[in-house]
PDB file of N, CA and C in Angstrom:
ATOM      1  N   MET A   1      -0.124  20.617 -28.702  1.00  0.00           N
ATOM      2  CA  MET A   1      -0.566  19.930 -27.527  1.00  0.00           C
ATOM      3  C   MET A   1       0.514  18.991 -26.999  1.00  0.00           C
ATOM      4  N   THR A   2       1.272  18.385 -27.877  1.00  0.00           N
ATOM      5  CA  THR A   2       2.321  17.459 -27.480  1.00  0.00           C
ATOM      6  C   THR A   2       3.413  18.191 -26.713  1.00  0.00           C
ATOM      7  N   ARG A   3       3.729  19.394 -27.153  1.00  0.00           N
ATOM      8  CA  ARG A   3       4.751  20.176 -26.458  1.00  0.00           C
ATOM      9  C   ARG A   3       4.309  20.521 -25.041  1.00  0.00           C
ATOM     10  N   LEU A   4       3.050  20.841 -24.883  1.00  0.00           N
ATOM     11  CA  LEU A   4       2.512  21.155 -23.559  1.00  0.00           C
ATOM     12  C   LEU A   4       2.576  19.927 -22.660  1.00  0.00           C
ATOM     13  N   ASN A   5       2.221  18.750 -23.195  1.00  0.00           N
ATOM     14  CA  ASN A   5       2.285  17.521 -22.416  1.00  0.00           C
ATOM     15  C   ASN A   5       3.730  17.205 -21.994  1.00  0.00           C
ATOM     16  N   ILE A   6       4.668  17.379 -22.914  1.00  0.00           N
ATOM     17  CA  ILE A   6       6.077  17.128 -22.609  1.00  0.00           C
ATOM     18  C   ILE A   6       6.571  18.123 -21.547  1.00  0.00           C
ATOM     19  N   ALA A   7       6.195  19.372 -21.695  1.00  0.00           N
ATOM     20  CA  ALA A   7       6.599  20.396 -20.729  1.00  0.00           C
ATOM     21  C   ALA A   7       6.024  20.074 -19.349  1.00  0.00           C
ATOM     22  N   LEU A   8       4.766  19.657 -19.308  1.00  0.00           N
ATOM     23  CA  LEU A   8       4.142  19.300 -18.030  1.00  0.00           C
ATOM     24  C   LEU A   8       4.799  18.064 -17.420  1.00  0.00           C
ATOM     25  N   MET A   9       5.137  17.097 -18.263  1.00  0.00           N
ATOM     26  CA  MET A   9       5.797  15.894 -17.769  1.00  0.00           C
ATOM     27  C   MET A   9       7.191  16.220 -17.223  1.00  0.00           C
ATOM     28  N   VAL A  10       7.943  17.071 -17.903  1.00  0.00           N
ATOM     29  CA  VAL A  10       9.257  17.489 -17.425  1.00  0.00           C
ATOM     30  C   VAL A  10       9.105  18.239 -16.100  1.00  0.00           C
ATOM     31  N   ALA A  11       8.104  19.103 -16.001  1.00  0.00           N
ATOM     32  CA  ALA A  11       7.870  19.841 -14.754  1.00  0.00           C
ATOM     33  C   ALA A  11       7.493  18.880 -13.620  1.00  0.00           C
ATOM     34  N   ALA A  12       6.663  17.886 -13.932  1.00  0.00           N
ATOM     35  CA  ALA A  12       6.268  16.916 -12.906  1.00  0.00           C
ATOM     36  C   ALA A  12       7.475  16.092 -12.456  1.00  0.00           C
ATOM     37  N   LEU A  13       8.327  15.667 -13.395  1.00  0.00           N
ATOM     38  CA  LEU A  13       9.538  14.923 -13.042  1.00  0.00           C
ATOM     39  C   LEU A  13      10.500  15.780 -12.209  1.00  0.00           C
ATOM     40  N   ALA A  14      10.675  17.035 -12.588  1.00  0.00           N
ATOM     41  CA  ALA A  14      11.553  17.935 -11.839  1.00  0.00           C
ATOM     42  C   ALA A  14      11.006  18.151 -10.433  1.00  0.00           C
ATOM     43  N   SER A  15       9.692  18.313 -10.342  1.00  0.00           N
ATOM     44  CA  SER A  15       9.061  18.489  -9.036  1.00  0.00           C
ATOM     45  C   SER A  15       9.236  17.234  -8.176  1.00  0.00           C
ATOM     46  N   ALA A  16       9.085  16.062  -8.766  1.00  0.00           N
ATOM     47  CA  ALA A  16       9.247  14.809  -8.033  1.00  0.00           C
ATOM     48  C   ALA A  16      10.693  14.643  -7.567  1.00  0.00           C
ATOM     49  N   MET A  17      11.660  14.961  -8.420  1.00  0.00           N
ATOM     50  CA  MET A  17      13.070  14.859  -8.051  1.00  0.00           C
ATOM     51  C   MET A  17      13.398  15.835  -6.912  1.00  0.00           C
ATOM     52  N   TYR A  18      12.849  17.030  -6.987  1.00  0.00           N
ATOM     53  CA  TYR A  18      13.072  18.013  -5.938  1.00  0.00           C
ATOM     54  C   TYR A  18      12.469  17.523  -4.615  1.00  0.00           C
ATOM     55  N   LEU A  19      11.271  16.951  -4.671  1.00  0.00           N
ATOM     56  CA  LEU A  19      10.614  16.422  -3.482  1.00  0.00           C
ATOM     57  C   LEU A  19      11.442  15.306  -2.850  1.00  0.00           C
ATOM     58  N   VAL A  20      11.986  14.424  -3.667  1.00  0.00           N
ATOM     59  CA  VAL A  20      12.820  13.337  -3.157  1.00  0.00           C
ATOM     60  C   VAL A  20      14.073  13.900  -2.488  1.00  0.00           C
ATOM     61  N   SER A  21      14.707  14.880  -3.096  1.00  0.00           N
ATOM     62  CA  SER A  21      15.927  15.448  -2.513  1.00  0.00           C
ATOM     63  C   SER A  21      15.617  16.188  -1.214  1.00  0.00           C
ATOM     64  N   VAL A  22      14.493  16.870  -1.157  1.00  0.00           N
ATOM     65  CA  VAL A  22      14.111  17.575   0.071  1.00  0.00           C
ATOM     66  C   VAL A  22      13.816  16.570   1.186  1.00  0.00           C
ATOM     67  N   GLN A  23      13.149  15.481   0.869  1.00  0.00           N
ATOM     68  CA  GLN A  23      12.872  14.458   1.882  1.00  0.00           C
ATOM     69  C   GLN A  23      14.171  13.819   2.387  1.00  0.00           C
ATOM     70  N   TYR A  24      15.085  13.563   1.479  1.00  0.00           N
ATOM     71  CA  TYR A  24      16.373  12.988   1.876  1.00  0.00           C
ATOM     72  C   TYR A  24      17.117  13.940   2.806  1.00  0.00           C
ATOM     73  N   GLU A  25      17.151  15.221   2.439  1.00  0.00           N
ATOM     74  CA  GLU A  25      17.831  16.215   3.263  1.00  0.00           C
ATOM     75  C   GLU A  25      17.154  16.348   4.627  1.00  0.00           C
ATOM     76  N   SER A  26      15.844  16.286   4.641  1.00  0.00           N
ATOM     77  CA  SER A  26      15.095  16.358   5.897  1.00  0.00           C
ATOM     78  C   SER A  26      15.440  15.180   6.803  1.00  0.00           C
ATOM     79  N   ARG A  27      15.508  13.997   6.268  1.00  0.00           N
ATOM     80  CA  ARG A  27      15.860  12.819   7.065  1.00  0.00           C
ATOM     81  C   ARG A  27      17.289  12.902   7.586  1.00  0.00           C
ATOM     82  N   ARG A  28      18.186  13.396   6.749  1.00  0.00           N
ATOM     83  CA  ARG A  28      19.582  13.537   7.155  1.00  0.00           C
ATOM     84  C   ARG A  28      19.700  14.543   8.302  1.00  0.00           C
ATOM     85  N   LEU A  29      19.008  15.656   8.191  1.00  0.00           N
ATOM     86  CA  LEU A  29      19.051  16.666   9.249  1.00  0.00           C
ATOM     87  C   LEU A  29      18.408  16.150  10.539  1.00  0.00           C
ATOM     88  N   PHE A  30      17.342  15.382  10.419  1.00  0.00           N
ATOM     89  CA  PHE A  30      16.697  14.813  11.598  1.00  0.00           C
ATOM     90  C   PHE A  30      17.640  13.847  12.312  1.00  0.00           C
ATOM     91  N   THR A  31      18.373  13.057  11.532  1.00  0.00           N
ATOM     92  CA  THR A  31      19.346  12.136  12.113  1.00  0.00           C
ATOM     93  C   THR A  31      20.443  12.894  12.848  1.00  0.00           C
ATOM     94  N   GLU A  32      20.938  13.981  12.257  1.00  0.00           N
ATOM     95  CA  GLU A  32      21.956  14.791  12.914  1.00  0.00           C
ATOM     96  C   GLU A  32      21.404  15.431  14.186  1.00  0.00           C
ATOM     97  N   LEU A  33      20.160  15.867  14.148  1.00  0.00           N
ATOM     98  CA  LEU A  33      19.537  16.457  15.326  1.00  0.00           C
ATOM     99  C   LEU A  33      19.432  15.434  16.453  1.00  0.00           C
ATOM    100  N   GLU A  34      19.042  14.213  16.120  1.00  0.00           N
ATOM    101  CA  GLU A  34      18.967  13.156  17.124  1.00  0.00           C
ATOM    102  C   GLU A  34      20.343  12.857  17.712  1.00  0.00           C
ATOM    103  N   LYS A  35      21.378  12.857  16.879  1.00  0.00           N
ATOM    104  CA  LYS A  35      22.737  12.645  17.376  1.00  0.00           C
ATOM    105  C   LYS A  35      23.138  13.762  18.331  1.00  0.00           C
ATOM    106  N   ALA A  36      22.792  15.003  17.983  1.00  0.00           N
ATOM    107  CA  ALA A  36      23.125  16.141  18.838  1.00  0.00           C
ATOM    108  C   ALA A  36      22.394  16.039  20.175  1.00  0.00           C
ATOM    109  N   HIS A  37      21.134  15.615  20.158  1.00  0.00           N
ATOM    110  CA  HIS A  37      20.380  15.440  21.403  1.00  0.00           C
ATOM    111  C   HIS A  37      21.008  14.337  22.264  1.00  0.00           C
ATOM    112  N   ARG A  38      21.406  13.258  21.637  1.00  0.00           N
ATOM    113  CA  ARG A  38      22.037  12.161  22.363  1.00  0.00           C
ATOM    114  C   ARG A  38      23.347  12.624  22.997  1.00  0.00           C
ATOM    115  N   GLU A  39      24.139  13.371  22.232  1.00  0.00           N
ATOM    116  CA  GLU A  39      25.406  13.894  22.749  1.00  0.00           C
ATOM    117  C   GLU A  39      25.152  14.868  23.905  1.00  0.00           C
ATOM    118  N   ALA A  40      24.124  15.690  23.791  1.00  0.00           N
ATOM    119  CA  ALA A  40      23.795  16.621  24.875  1.00  0.00           C
ATOM    120  C   ALA A  40      23.398  15.858  26.139  1.00  0.00           C
ATOM    121  N   ARG A  41      22.623  14.794  25.992  1.00  0.00           N
ATOM    122  CA  ARG A  41      22.253  13.985  27.156  1.00  0.00           C
ATOM    123  C   ARG A  41      23.485  13.354  27.789  1.00  0.00           C
ATOM    124  N   ASN A  42      24.394  12.844  26.955  1.00  0.00           N
ATOM    125  CA  ASN A  42      25.625  12.248  27.473  1.00  0.00           C
ATOM    126  C   ASN A  42      26.476  13.281  28.209  1.00  0.00           C
ATOM    127  N   LEU A  43      26.580  14.485  27.641  1.00  0.00           N
ATOM    128  CA  LEU A  43      27.356  15.534  28.287  1.00  0.00           C
ATOM    129  C   LEU A  43      26.719  15.955  29.605  1.00  0.00           C
ATOM    130  N   HIS A  44      25.403  16.024  29.638  1.00  0.00           N
ATOM    131  CA  HIS A  44      24.708  16.385  30.874  1.00  0.00           C
ATOM    132  C   HIS A  44      24.941  15.315  31.948  1.00  0.00           C
ATOM    133  N   THR A  45      24.899  14.061  31.551  1.00  0.00           N
ATOM    134  CA  THR A  45      25.161  12.973  32.490  1.00  0.00           C
ATOM    135  C   THR A  45      26.589  13.055  33.019  1.00  0.00           C
ATOM    136  N   ASP A  46      27.552  13.308  32.134  1.00  0.00           N
ATOM    137  CA  ASP A  46      28.946  13.454  32.560  1.00  0.00           C
ATOM    138  C   ASP A  46      29.101  14.643  33.506  1.00  0.00           C
ATOM    139  N   PHE A  47      28.422  15.737  33.204  1.00  0.00           N
ATOM    140  CA  PHE A  47      28.500  16.922  34.044  1.00  0.00           C
ATOM    141  C   PHE A  47      27.977  16.619  35.444  1.00  0.00           C
ATOM    142  N   GLU A  48      26.839  15.946  35.514  1.00  0.00           N
ATOM    143  CA  GLU A  48      26.267  15.590  36.813  1.00  0.00           C
ATOM    144  C   GLU A  48      27.210  14.664  37.584  1.00  0.00           C
ATOM    145  N   ARG A  49      27.808  13.696  36.902  1.00  0.00           N
ATOM    146  CA  ARG A  49      28.740  12.776  37.548  1.00  0.00           C
ATOM    147  C   ARG A  49      29.955  13.528  38.081  1.00  0.00           C
ATOM    148  N   LEU A  50      30.468  14.470  37.290  1.00  0.00           N
ATOM    149  CA  LEU A  50      31.628  15.241  37.724  1.00  0.00           C
ATOM    150  C   LEU A  50      31.286  16.168  38.885  1.00  0.00           C
ATOM    151  N   GLN A  51      30.074  16.694  38.904  1.00  0.00           N
ATOM    152  CA  GLN A  51      29.643  17.529  40.022  1.00  0.00           C
ATOM    153  C   GLN A  51      29.632  16.707  41.317  1.00  0.00           C
ATOM    154  N   VAL A  52      29.089  15.505  41.250  1.00  0.00           N
ATOM    155  CA  VAL A  52      29.053  14.627  42.424  1.00  0.00           C
ATOM    156  C   VAL A  52      30.470  14.287  42.854  1.00  0.00           C
ATOM    157  N   GLU A  53      31.329  13.979  41.898  1.00  0.00           N
ATOM    158  CA  GLU A  53      32.718  13.644  42.219  1.00  0.00           C
ATOM    159  C   GLU A  53      33.440  14.827  42.853  1.00  0.00           C
ATOM    160  N   ARG A  54      33.188  16.029  42.322  1.00  0.00           N
ATOM    161  CA  ARG A  54      33.822  17.228  42.876  1.00  0.00           C
ATOM    162  C   ARG A  54      33.367  17.461  44.315  1.00  0.00           C
ATOM    163  N   ARG A  55      32.067  17.288  44.563  1.00  0.00           N
ATOM    164  CA  ARG A  55      31.568  17.464  45.923  1.00  0.00           C
ATOM    165  C   ARG A  55      32.187  16.440  46.874  1.00  0.00           C
ATOM    166  N   SER A  56      32.366  15.210  46.404  1.00  0.00           N
ATOM    167  CA  SER A  56      32.950  14.190  47.284  1.00  0.00           C
ATOM    168  C   SER A  56      34.435  14.448  47.512  1.00  0.00           C
ATOM    169  N   GLN A  57      35.122  15.024  46.539  1.00  0.00           N
ATOM    170  CA  GLN A  57      36.548  15.307  46.688  1.00  0.00           C
ATOM    171  C   GLN A  57      36.801  16.493  47.616  1.00  0.00           C
ATOM    172  N   ALA A  58      35.822  17.359  47.777  1.00  0.00           N
ATOM    173  CA  ALA A  58      36.029  18.588  48.540  1.00  0.00           C
ATOM    174  C   ALA A  58      35.515  18.507  49.974  1.00  0.00           C
ATOM    175  N   THR A  59      35.234  17.325  50.474  1.00  0.00           N
ATOM    176  CA  THR A  59      34.763  17.225  51.857  1.00  0.00           C
ATOM    177  C   THR A  59      35.909  17.598  52.799  1.00  0.00           C
ATOM    178  N   PRO A  60      35.594  18.247  53.904  1.00  0.00           N
ATOM    179  CA  PRO A  60      36.649  18.680  54.830  1.00  0.00           C
ATOM    180  C   PRO A  60      37.512  17.531  55.345  1.00  0.00           C
ATOM    181  N   ALA A  61      36.914  16.392  55.613  1.00  0.00           N
ATOM    182  CA  ALA A  61      37.699  15.264  56.112  1.00  0.00           C
ATOM    183  C   ALA A  61      38.711  14.798  55.069  1.00  0.00           C
ATOM    184  N   ARG A  62      38.311  14.753  53.812  1.00  0.00           N
ATOM    185  CA  ARG A  62      39.230  14.322  52.757  1.00  0.00           C
ATOM    186  C   ARG A  62      40.341  15.346  52.561  1.00  0.00           C
ATOM    187  N   VAL A  63      39.998  16.619  52.587  1.00  0.00           N
ATOM    188  CA  VAL A  63      41.012  17.664  52.420  1.00  0.00           C
ATOM    189  C   VAL A  63      42.043  17.579  53.552  1.00  0.00           C
ATOM    190  N   GLU A  64      41.568  17.369  54.762  1.00  0.00           N
ATOM    191  CA  GLU A  64      42.483  17.256  55.893  1.00  0.00           C
ATOM    192  C   GLU A  64      43.383  16.024  55.754  1.00  0.00           C
ATOM    193  N   ARG A  65      42.802  14.899  55.344  1.00  0.00           N
ATOM    194  CA  ARG A  65      43.580  13.670  55.180  1.00  0.00           C
ATOM    195  C   ARG A  65      44.654  13.837  54.101  1.00  0.00           C
ATOM    196  N   VAL A  66      44.284  14.439  52.978  1.00  0.00           N
ATOM    197  CA  VAL A  66      45.257  14.660  51.900  1.00  0.00           C
ATOM    198  C   VAL A  66      46.345  15.613  52.361  1.00  0.00           C
ATOM    199  N   ALA A  67      45.964  16.658  53.106  1.00  0.00           N
ATOM    200  CA  ALA A  67      46.960  17.603  53.614  1.00  0.00           C
ATOM    201  C   ALA A  67      47.954  16.903  54.526  1.00  0.00           C
ATOM    202  N   GLN A  68      47.481  15.989  55.350  1.00  0.00           N
ATOM    203  CA  GLN A  68      48.382  15.298  56.261  1.00  0.00           C
ATOM    204  C   GLN A  68      49.224  14.253  55.551  1.00  0.00           C
ATOM    205  N   GLU A  69      48.615  13.475  54.657  1.00  0.00           N
ATOM    206  CA  GLU A  69      49.333  12.367  54.020  1.00  0.00           C
ATOM    207  C   GLU A  69      50.238  12.821  52.880  1.00  0.00           C
ATOM    208  N   LYS A  70      49.704  13.560  51.969  1.00  0.00           N
ATOM    209  CA  LYS A  70      50.479  13.902  50.769  1.00  0.00           C
ATOM    210  C   LYS A  70      51.316  15.162  50.934  1.00  0.00           C
ATOM    211  N   LEU A  71      50.789  16.140  51.640  1.00  0.00           N
ATOM    212  CA  LEU A  71      51.502  17.408  51.777  1.00  0.00           C
ATOM    213  C   LEU A  71      52.322  17.495  53.063  1.00  0.00           C
ATOM    214  N   GLN A  72      52.228  16.452  53.901  1.00  0.00           N
ATOM    215  CA  GLN A  72      52.979  16.405  55.159  1.00  0.00           C
ATOM    216  C   GLN A  72      52.679  17.613  56.046  1.00  0.00           C
ATOM    217  N   MET A  73      51.440  18.063  56.052  1.00  0.00           N
ATOM    218  CA  MET A  73      51.031  19.181  56.904  1.00  0.00           C
ATOM    219  C   MET A  73      50.605  18.617  58.259  1.00  0.00           C
ATOM    220  N   ARG A  74      50.605  19.457  59.266  1.00  0.00           N
ATOM    221  CA  ARG A  74      50.199  19.023  60.597  1.00  0.00           C
ATOM    222  C   ARG A  74      49.382  20.123  61.259  1.00  0.00           C
ATOM    223  N   GLN A  75      48.714  19.761  62.355  1.00  0.00           N
ATOM    224  CA  GLN A  75      47.881  20.704  63.089  1.00  0.00           C
ATOM    225  C   GLN A  75      48.760  21.765  63.745  1.00  0.00           C
ATOM    226  N   VAL A  76      48.233  22.947  63.865  1.00  0.00           N
ATOM    227  CA  VAL A  76      48.953  24.042  64.502  1.00  0.00           C
ATOM    228  C   VAL A  76      48.896  23.847  66.013  1.00  0.00           C
ATOM    229  N   ASN A  77      50.048  24.046  66.660  1.00  0.00           N
ATOM    230  CA  ASN A  77      50.072  24.041  68.120  1.00  0.00           C
ATOM    231  C   ASN A  77      51.079  25.101  68.580  1.00  0.00           C
ATOM    232  N   PRO A  78      50.961  25.538  69.807  1.00  0.00           N
ATOM    233  CA  PRO A  78      51.842  26.621  70.279  1.00  0.00           C
ATOM    234  C   PRO A  78      53.327  26.282  70.236  1.00  0.00           C
ATOM    235  N   GLY A  79      53.669  25.017  70.288  1.00  0.00           N
ATOM    236  CA  GLY A  79      55.081  24.629  70.279  1.00  0.00           C
ATOM    237  C   GLY A  79      55.768  24.881  68.946  1.00  0.00           C
ATOM    238  N   ILE A  80      55.028  24.897  67.862  1.00  0.00           N
ATOM    239  CA  ILE A  80      55.648  25.110  66.552  1.00  0.00           C
ATOM    240  C   ILE A  80      55.249  26.444  65.938  1.00  0.00           C
ATOM    241  N   THR A  81      54.589  27.295  66.722  1.00  0.00           N
ATOM    242  CA  THR A  81      54.124  28.578  66.218  1.00  0.00           C
ATOM    243  C   THR A  81      55.168  29.638  66.495  1.00  0.00           C
ATOM    244  N   LEU A  82      55.490  30.441  65.506  1.00  0.00           N
ATOM    245  CA  LEU A  82      56.448  31.525  65.645  1.00  0.00           C
ATOM    246  C   LEU A  82      55.668  32.822  65.577  1.00  0.00           C
ATOM    247  N   TYR A  83      55.704  33.571  66.651  1.00  0.00           N
ATOM    248  CA  TYR A  83      55.002  34.852  66.710  1.00  0.00           C
ATOM    249  C   TYR A  83      55.983  35.960  66.391  1.00  0.00           C
ATOM    250  N   LEU A  84      55.610  36.817  65.488  1.00  0.00           N
ATOM    251  CA  LEU A  84      56.467  37.935  65.114  1.00  0.00           C
ATOM    252  C   LEU A  84      55.999  39.168  65.859  1.00  0.00           C
ATOM    253  N   GLY A  85      56.952  39.897  66.369  1.00  0.00           N
ATOM    254  CA  GLY A  85      56.635  41.130  67.070  1.00  0.00           C
ATOM    255  C   GLY A  85      56.484  42.277  66.095  1.00  0.00           C
ATOM    256  N   LYS A  86      56.315  43.452  66.651  1.00  0.00           N
ATOM    257  CA  LYS A  86      56.122  44.652  65.854  1.00  0.00           C
ATOM    258  C   LYS A  86      57.353  44.948  65.000  1.00  0.00           C
ATOM    259  N   ASP A  87      58.531  44.756  65.564  1.00  0.00           N
ATOM    260  CA  ASP A  87      59.773  45.061  64.849  1.00  0.00           C
ATOM    261  C   ASP A  87      60.294  43.881  64.057  1.00  0.00           C
ATOM    262  N   ASP A  88      59.679  42.724  64.248  1.00  0.00           N
ATOM    263  CA  ASP A  88      60.103  41.530  63.512  1.00  0.00           C
ATOM    264  C   ASP A  88      59.326  41.483  62.219  1.00  0.00           C
ATOM    265  N   GLY A  89      59.985  41.562  61.124  1.00  0.00           N
ATOM    266  CA  GLY A  89      59.299  41.532  59.835  1.00  0.00           C
ATOM    267  C   GLY A  89      59.980  40.563  58.902  1.00  0.00           C
ATOM    268  N   PRO A  90      59.477  40.454  57.687  1.00  0.00           N
ATOM    269  CA  PRO A  90      60.060  39.502  56.747  1.00  0.00           C
ATOM    270  C   PRO A  90      61.503  39.763  56.404  1.00  0.00           C
ATOM    271  N   GLY A  91      61.968  40.985  56.419  1.00  0.00           N
ATOM    272  CA  GLY A  91      63.357  41.279  56.061  1.00  0.00           C
ATOM    273  C   GLY A  91      64.287  41.380  57.247  1.00  0.00           C
ATOM    274  N   LYS A  92      63.788  41.212  58.421  1.00  0.00           N
ATOM    275  CA  LYS A  92      64.551  41.367  59.670  1.00  0.00           C
ATOM    276  C   LYS A  92      65.394  40.155  59.957  1.00  0.00           C
ATOM    277  N   GLN A  93      66.678  40.346  60.218  1.00  0.00           N
ATOM    278  CA  GLN A  93      67.592  39.272  60.569  1.00  0.00           C
ATOM    279  C   GLN A  93      67.601  39.098  62.083  1.00  0.00           C
ATOM    280  N   PRO A  94      67.584  37.862  62.617  1.00  0.00           N
ATOM    281  CA  PRO A  94      67.628  37.644  64.067  1.00  0.00           C
ATOM    282  C   PRO A  94      68.966  37.936  64.674  1.00  0.00           C
TER     283      PRO A  94
END
């Protein structure tokens, strides 16, 4: 009878130790899951902010202003337009 009691006590202790380790692992995984959710929310917020910034950067007025200021581009007018004829091509010398 003593051997049975000892065996049952060892089994109960092993079961309790296993339960504690499973609970610890469960809490650790839950913490990692919460961190992943937080990171996903942060990334989504950054994505939305970048989308808004991209839309504001691509407005026609801004593109035109940057083209004029930084790229030194200007509006097309007939005075600076060169029309090529049928025989005038990229390799043709004047």
